[in-house]
Amino acid sequence: VTDTDEDSDTDTDSDTQVQEYFERTMDVHGAQREYLVFIPTPTAEAMQSCPVPLLTVVHEADDTPRNMLEWTGLDQLARDNSFAVVAPAAYDRTWVAFPDVWPGDDGEGTSRSNDIVFLDVVVEAVSTEFAVDTARAFAAGHGYGAMMLGYHIQGTGISEVYGEILTTPYSGFGFNAGVDPYGGSGPGGHAD
């Protein structure tokens, strides 16, 4: 997995331009993947004295990381509470992309296995670049993003595809799409 910097956005803080949004790309098993890191000014200031919590935010289908942060208000919540946010982007704006858009460079017919590994390594990439406390890493997803988090927490199919064993990097997580990461069905229900 390789990681590269891209152009970043700035937000105005008083009379100075302060960079808060950092666009990044990485190669995950042959596929170029993108993610957005949001470090609000108060969070950057807090990072000077100690690592801050990290929230991974996984957007729904046909959405973007930045839009997810803005319409949910998580950008303001991060600003008010001094935590960092990483928002991975789905491949072609959809999680578990099908063969019509997934290049299949990893030998898979969909992006599901690549998506799962991507969610795993993006936390590591952010913790390498920024002063975040991985013992206080949390995750939230909406719609297909919630489904993707469920797949990630299960590690569904990864060992069969890439020979990797994944463990969740999160201290806590939340869903809103009726996904049970332990195999149940329905809103928050476990299969008995």
Protein backbone atom coordinates (compact mmCIF):
# COMPACT_ATOMS: atom_id res chain seq x y z
CA VAL A 1 0.00 0.00 0.00
CA THR A 2 1.46 3.35 -1.00
CA ASP A 3 0.21 6.80 -0.02
CA THR A 4 0.56 10.13 -1.85
CA ASP A 5 -0.48 13.70 -1.12
CA GLU A 6 -2.86 15.59 -3.38
CA ASP A 7 -3.95 19.22 -3.47
CA SER A 8 -5.77 20.22 -0.32
CA ASP A 9 -8.48 22.71 0.52
CA THR A 10 -8.24 25.52 3.01
CA ASP A 11 -10.88 27.10 5.15
CA THR A 12 -10.76 30.63 6.42
CA ASP A 13 -10.00 30.98 10.11
CA SER A 14 -10.05 34.66 11.12
CA ASP A 15 -7.90 36.50 8.60
CA THR A 16 -5.51 33.66 7.79
CA GLN A 17 -5.85 30.67 5.49
CA VAL A 18 -5.59 27.47 7.51
CA GLN A 19 -5.48 24.09 5.83
CA GLU A 20 -8.09 21.77 7.31
CA TYR A 21 -8.92 19.33 4.50
CA PHE A 22 -6.19 17.01 3.21
CA GLU A 23 -6.89 14.90 0.11
CA ARG A 24 -4.86 11.72 -0.11
CA THR A 25 -4.54 8.74 -2.45
CA MET A 26 -3.09 5.30 -1.89
CA ASP A 27 -2.63 2.13 -3.86
CA VAL A 28 -4.49 -0.82 -2.35
CA HIS A 29 -3.69 -4.09 -4.12
CA GLY A 30 -3.41 -2.34 -7.50
CA ALA A 31 -6.37 0.03 -7.17
CA GLN A 32 -5.95 3.78 -6.60
CA ARG A 33 -8.08 4.76 -3.63
CA GLU A 34 -8.81 8.26 -2.31
CA TYR A 35 -9.57 9.55 1.16
CA LEU A 36 -10.10 12.88 2.88
CA VAL A 37 -8.56 13.84 6.21
CA PHE A 38 -10.19 16.67 8.15
CA ILE A 39 -8.08 18.35 10.83
CA PRO A 40 -9.94 21.44 12.09
CA THR A 41 -7.83 24.28 13.47
CA PRO A 42 -8.67 23.51 17.14
CA THR A 43 -7.72 19.87 16.53
CA ALA A 44 -4.40 20.86 14.94
CA GLU A 45 -3.70 23.03 17.99
CA ALA A 46 -4.58 20.16 20.36
CA MET A 47 -2.26 17.83 18.41
CA GLN A 48 0.65 20.03 19.46
CA SER A 49 0.40 18.69 23.02
CA CYS A 50 -1.06 15.19 22.61
CA PRO A 51 -2.61 12.80 20.08
CA VAL A 52 -6.31 13.33 19.40
CA PRO A 53 -9.15 10.86 18.77
CA LEU A 54 -9.86 9.75 15.19
CA LEU A 55 -13.28 9.18 13.63
CA THR A 56 -13.53 7.19 10.39
CA VAL A 57 -16.64 8.30 8.48
CA VAL A 58 -17.86 6.05 5.66
CA HIS A 59 -20.27 7.76 3.26
CA GLU A 60 -23.32 6.26 1.60
CA ALA A 61 -23.47 5.23 -2.07
CA ASP A 62 -23.27 7.99 -4.68
CA ASP A 63 -21.94 10.49 -2.14
CA THR A 64 -18.55 12.01 -1.37
CA PRO A 65 -16.49 12.14 1.82
CA ARG A 66 -16.66 15.94 2.06
CA ASN A 67 -20.41 16.05 1.53
CA MET A 68 -20.89 13.39 4.22
CA LEU A 69 -18.94 15.48 6.73
CA GLU A 70 -20.85 18.64 5.89
CA TRP A 71 -24.45 17.37 5.73
CA THR A 72 -24.11 15.31 8.90
CA GLY A 73 -22.48 18.18 10.78
CA LEU A 74 -19.54 15.96 11.71
CA ASP A 75 -17.15 18.67 10.47
CA GLN A 76 -18.53 21.10 13.05
CA LEU A 77 -18.64 18.41 15.74
CA ALA A 78 -14.94 17.68 15.09
CA ARG A 79 -14.17 21.40 15.24
CA ASP A 80 -16.07 21.80 18.53
CA ASN A 81 -14.54 18.71 20.17
CA SER A 82 -10.99 18.62 18.75
CA PHE A 83 -10.92 15.27 16.98
CA ALA A 84 -9.61 14.28 13.56
CA VAL A 85 -11.73 12.70 10.83
CA VAL A 86 -10.76 10.41 7.98
CA ALA A 87 -13.36 9.85 5.28
CA PRO A 88 -12.48 7.15 2.73
CA ALA A 89 -14.02 7.49 -0.75
CA ALA A 90 -15.87 4.57 -2.30
CA TYR A 91 -14.55 3.36 -5.65
CA ASP A 92 -16.52 5.19 -8.36
CA ARG A 93 -18.78 6.53 -5.57
CA THR A 94 -20.07 3.11 -4.59
CA TRP A 95 -18.98 0.52 -2.05
CA VAL A 96 -18.74 -3.05 -3.36
CA ALA A 97 -18.39 -1.76 -6.93
CA PHE A 98 -19.46 -4.32 -9.52
CA PRO A 99 -17.55 -5.48 -12.62
CA ASP A 100 -18.96 -2.69 -14.81
CA VAL A 101 -16.81 -0.17 -12.84
CA TRP A 102 -14.35 -2.30 -10.82
CA PRO A 103 -11.15 -2.90 -12.85
CA GLY A 104 -10.52 -6.25 -11.15
CA ASP A 105 -6.76 -5.73 -10.98
CA ASP A 106 -6.79 -7.78 -7.77
CA GLY A 107 -8.52 -10.69 -9.49
CA GLU A 108 -11.84 -9.99 -7.79
CA GLY A 109 -15.17 -9.38 -9.53
CA THR A 110 -16.20 -6.60 -7.13
CA SER A 111 -14.38 -4.09 -4.94
CA ARG A 112 -15.61 -5.60 -1.65
CA SER A 113 -12.33 -7.20 -0.55
CA ASN A 114 -10.35 -4.15 -1.66
CA ASP A 115 -12.81 -1.86 0.17
CA ILE A 116 -12.32 -3.85 3.39
CA VAL A 117 -8.52 -3.68 3.23
CA PHE A 118 -8.75 0.03 2.31
CA LEU A 119 -10.74 0.79 5.47
CA ASP A 120 -8.15 -1.08 7.49
CA VAL A 121 -5.04 0.60 6.09
CA VAL A 122 -6.46 4.14 5.93
CA VAL A 123 -6.44 4.38 9.75
CA GLU A 124 -2.80 3.31 9.78
CA ALA A 125 -1.93 5.87 7.09
CA VAL A 126 -3.58 8.70 9.01
CA SER A 127 -1.92 7.69 12.28
CA THR A 128 1.47 7.72 10.55
CA GLU A 129 0.98 11.26 9.21
CA PHE A 130 -0.98 12.94 12.00
CA ALA A 131 -0.88 12.82 15.81
CA VAL A 132 -3.97 10.68 16.35
CA ASP A 133 -4.59 8.29 19.20
CA THR A 134 -5.42 4.92 17.65
CA ALA A 135 -6.63 3.70 21.06
CA ARG A 136 -9.41 6.27 20.59
CA ALA A 137 -10.34 5.43 16.98
CA PHE A 138 -14.05 5.29 16.21
CA ALA A 139 -16.14 4.70 13.09
CA ALA A 140 -19.54 5.72 11.75
CA GLY A 141 -21.25 4.86 8.50
CA HIS A 142 -24.44 5.77 6.69
CA GLY A 143 -26.36 3.64 4.20
CA TYR A 144 -23.93 1.58 2.11
CA GLY A 145 -21.17 3.10 4.25
CA ALA A 146 -22.70 1.38 7.27
CA MET A 147 -22.85 -1.87 5.31
CA MET A 148 -19.19 -1.44 4.39
CA LEU A 149 -18.24 -0.94 8.04
CA GLY A 150 -20.10 -4.15 8.87
CA TYR A 151 -18.09 -6.02 6.24
CA HIS A 152 -14.90 -4.42 7.53
CA ILE A 153 -15.53 -5.32 11.14
CA GLN A 154 -16.21 -8.91 10.10
CA GLY A 155 -13.17 -8.98 7.78
CA THR A 156 -15.45 -10.89 5.41
CA GLY A 157 -13.50 -12.87 2.84
CA ILE A 158 -10.14 -11.15 3.28
CA SER A 159 -8.08 -14.17 4.31
CA GLU A 160 -9.40 -16.12 1.32
CA VAL A 161 -8.62 -13.30 -1.12
CA TYR A 162 -5.41 -11.67 0.05
CA GLY A 163 -4.17 -14.02 2.76
CA GLU A 164 -4.52 -11.20 5.31
CA ILE A 165 -6.16 -11.40 8.71
CA LEU A 166 -7.74 -8.13 9.77
CA THR A 167 -8.79 -6.90 13.16
CA THR A 168 -10.88 -3.80 13.57
CA PRO A 169 -8.87 -0.71 14.50
CA TYR A 170 -11.88 0.89 16.20
CA SER A 171 -12.63 1.43 19.87
CA GLY A 172 -16.29 1.90 18.97
CA PHE A 173 -18.50 2.12 15.92
CA GLY A 174 -22.02 3.09 14.91
CA PHE A 175 -24.31 2.16 12.04
CA ASN A 176 -27.63 3.48 10.82
CA ALA A 177 -28.58 1.01 8.12
CA GLY A 178 -29.69 -2.03 10.10
CA VAL A 179 -26.32 -3.74 9.71
CA ASP A 180 -25.19 -6.19 12.36
CA PRO A 181 -21.45 -6.80 12.02
CA TYR A 182 -21.84 -10.13 13.80
CA GLY A 183 -24.10 -11.65 11.16
CA GLY A 184 -27.61 -10.82 12.36
CA SER A 185 -30.27 -9.10 10.33
CA GLY A 186 -32.48 -6.10 10.87
CA PRO A 187 -31.81 -2.93 12.81
CA GLY A 188 -29.20 -3.82 15.41
CA GLY A 189 -30.50 -7.38 15.77
CA HIS A 190 -28.34 -10.44 16.30
CA ALA A 191 -29.23 -13.74 14.69
CA ASP A 192 -30.04 -16.24 17.43
